[in-house]
Amino acid sequence: VHEVNGHRFVAKFFRQPTFCAFCKEFLWGFGKQGYRCAACQTAVHKRCHSKLLGKCTGSSAQSDATVYLRERFKVDVPHRFRPHQFVSPTFCDHCGGLLYGFFKPELKA
């Protein structure tokens, strides 16, 4: 575990396309491509984790808004979302995960 600005980074293998929250480049490679914060889910390259300036926001998994969104949309990610229609594949600026969907608008952090 690597601690930087309150983040607790753990090495992670990303199963879906993910982008670095610091440099915005794709996390790729074999094995564990980068780190993910255990509290806020921020994803970064191994080379970028020490450069991250933002403090960890901690887990908002139990906030009223997150519980409501989890129950309504079956989304189990601690983000703050609002509806938005994307016209091309888009990745979350916070965790780097792919936002996907065809027939209904995605939720934008």
Protein backbone atom coordinates (compact mmCIF):
# COMPACT_ATOMS: atom_id res chain seq x y z
CA VAL A 1 0.00 0.00 0.00
CA HIS A 2 1.38 3.40 -1.05
CA GLU A 3 0.02 6.45 0.80
CA VAL A 4 0.03 9.85 -0.94
CA ASN A 5 -2.11 12.86 0.17
CA GLY A 6 -4.47 10.59 2.07
CA HIS A 7 -4.87 8.18 -0.87
CA ARG A 8 -4.17 4.51 -0.08
CA PHE A 9 -2.98 3.15 -3.44
CA VAL A 10 -3.02 -0.60 -4.04
CA ALA A 11 -1.60 -2.29 -7.17
CA LYS A 12 -4.45 -3.37 -9.46
CA PHE A 13 -5.11 -5.30 -12.67
CA PHE A 14 -7.76 -3.36 -14.62
CA ARG A 15 -10.12 -5.64 -16.55
CA GLN A 16 -11.75 -2.87 -18.56
CA PRO A 17 -10.20 0.11 -20.36
CA THR A 18 -9.11 2.64 -17.74
CA PHE A 19 -7.36 5.99 -17.93
CA CYS A 20 -4.99 7.60 -15.44
CA ALA A 21 -6.54 10.36 -13.29
CA PHE A 22 -3.23 12.28 -13.35
CA CYS A 23 -1.85 12.16 -16.92
CA LYS A 24 -5.08 11.03 -18.68
CA GLU A 25 -3.20 8.30 -20.58
CA PHE A 26 -4.45 4.74 -20.99
CA LEU A 27 -3.44 2.22 -18.30
CA TRP A 28 -2.17 -0.78 -20.24
CA GLY A 29 0.18 -3.70 -19.92
CA PHE A 30 0.34 -7.19 -18.48
CA GLY A 31 -0.14 -7.88 -14.80
CA LYS A 32 -0.99 -4.99 -12.51
CA GLN A 33 -0.95 -1.90 -14.74
CA GLY A 34 -1.42 0.75 -12.05
CA TYR A 35 -2.76 1.70 -8.65
CA ARG A 36 -6.30 2.29 -7.39
CA CYS A 37 -7.07 4.18 -4.17
CA ALA A 38 -8.84 1.88 -1.72
CA ALA A 39 -11.00 4.76 -0.43
CA CYS A 40 -11.98 6.92 -3.43
CA GLN A 41 -11.24 4.52 -6.34
CA THR A 42 -8.94 6.96 -8.17
CA ALA A 43 -6.88 5.05 -10.77
CA VAL A 44 -3.32 6.11 -11.71
CA HIS A 45 -0.18 4.76 -13.34
CA LYS A 46 2.53 3.47 -11.05
CA ARG A 47 4.71 6.32 -12.32
CA CYS A 48 2.02 8.95 -11.60
CA HIS A 49 0.82 8.04 -8.10
CA SER A 50 3.47 10.11 -6.32
CA LYS A 51 2.69 13.18 -8.49
CA LEU A 52 -1.01 13.33 -7.59
CA LEU A 53 -1.71 16.65 -5.84
CA GLY A 54 -5.39 16.20 -4.95
CA LYS A 55 -6.25 14.94 -1.50
CA CYS A 56 -8.31 11.78 -1.15
CA THR A 57 -12.00 12.56 -0.82
CA GLY A 58 -12.52 9.29 1.01
CA SER A 59 -15.33 6.93 0.31
CA SER A 60 -18.74 8.48 -0.21
CA ALA A 61 -20.32 5.03 -0.54
CA GLN A 62 -22.70 5.57 2.37
CA SER A 63 -23.87 9.13 1.60
CA ASP A 64 -27.61 9.61 1.04
CA ALA A 65 -27.07 10.59 -2.61
CA THR A 66 -24.91 7.54 -3.33
CA VAL A 67 -27.33 5.14 -1.64
CA TYR A 68 -30.21 6.64 -3.67
CA LEU A 69 -28.27 6.33 -6.96
CA ARG A 70 -27.14 2.78 -6.15
CA GLU A 71 -30.74 1.68 -5.52
CA ARG A 72 -32.25 3.55 -8.48
CA PHE A 73 -29.65 2.83 -11.18
CA LYS A 74 -27.93 -0.26 -9.75
CA VAL A 75 -24.66 1.72 -9.81
CA ASP A 76 -22.20 0.69 -7.12
CA VAL A 77 -19.55 3.35 -7.59
CA PRO A 78 -19.00 6.21 -5.12
CA HIS A 79 -19.34 9.09 -7.60
CA ARG A 80 -21.73 12.03 -7.86
CA PHE A 81 -23.59 11.61 -11.17
CA ARG A 82 -26.00 13.61 -13.30
CA PRO A 83 -27.68 12.39 -16.53
CA HIS A 84 -25.75 13.07 -19.74
CA GLN A 85 -25.91 11.64 -23.27
CA PHE A 86 -22.45 10.82 -24.64
CA VAL A 87 -22.00 10.58 -28.41
CA SER A 88 -18.74 8.62 -28.29
CA PRO A 89 -17.03 6.23 -25.87
CA THR A 90 -16.13 8.24 -22.78
CA PHE A 91 -14.05 7.53 -19.71
CA CYS A 92 -14.65 8.78 -16.17
CA ASP A 93 -12.27 11.61 -15.21
CA HIS A 94 -12.21 10.39 -11.61
CA CYS A 95 -11.67 6.63 -11.75
CA GLY A 96 -10.78 6.20 -15.45
CA GLY A 97 -13.51 3.61 -16.08
CA LEU A 98 -15.41 3.32 -19.35
CA LEU A 99 -18.91 4.86 -19.34
CA TYR A 100 -21.12 2.68 -21.51
CA GLY A 101 -24.74 2.35 -22.63
CA PHE A 102 -26.71 2.44 -25.87
CA PHE A 103 -30.36 3.26 -25.26
CA LYS A 104 -30.43 5.46 -22.20
CA PRO A 105 -28.26 8.38 -21.16
CA GLU A 106 -25.22 7.62 -19.07
CA LEU A 107 -24.54 9.38 -15.83
CA LYS A 108 -21.85 12.05 -15.87
CA ALA A 109 -19.67 12.63 -12.80
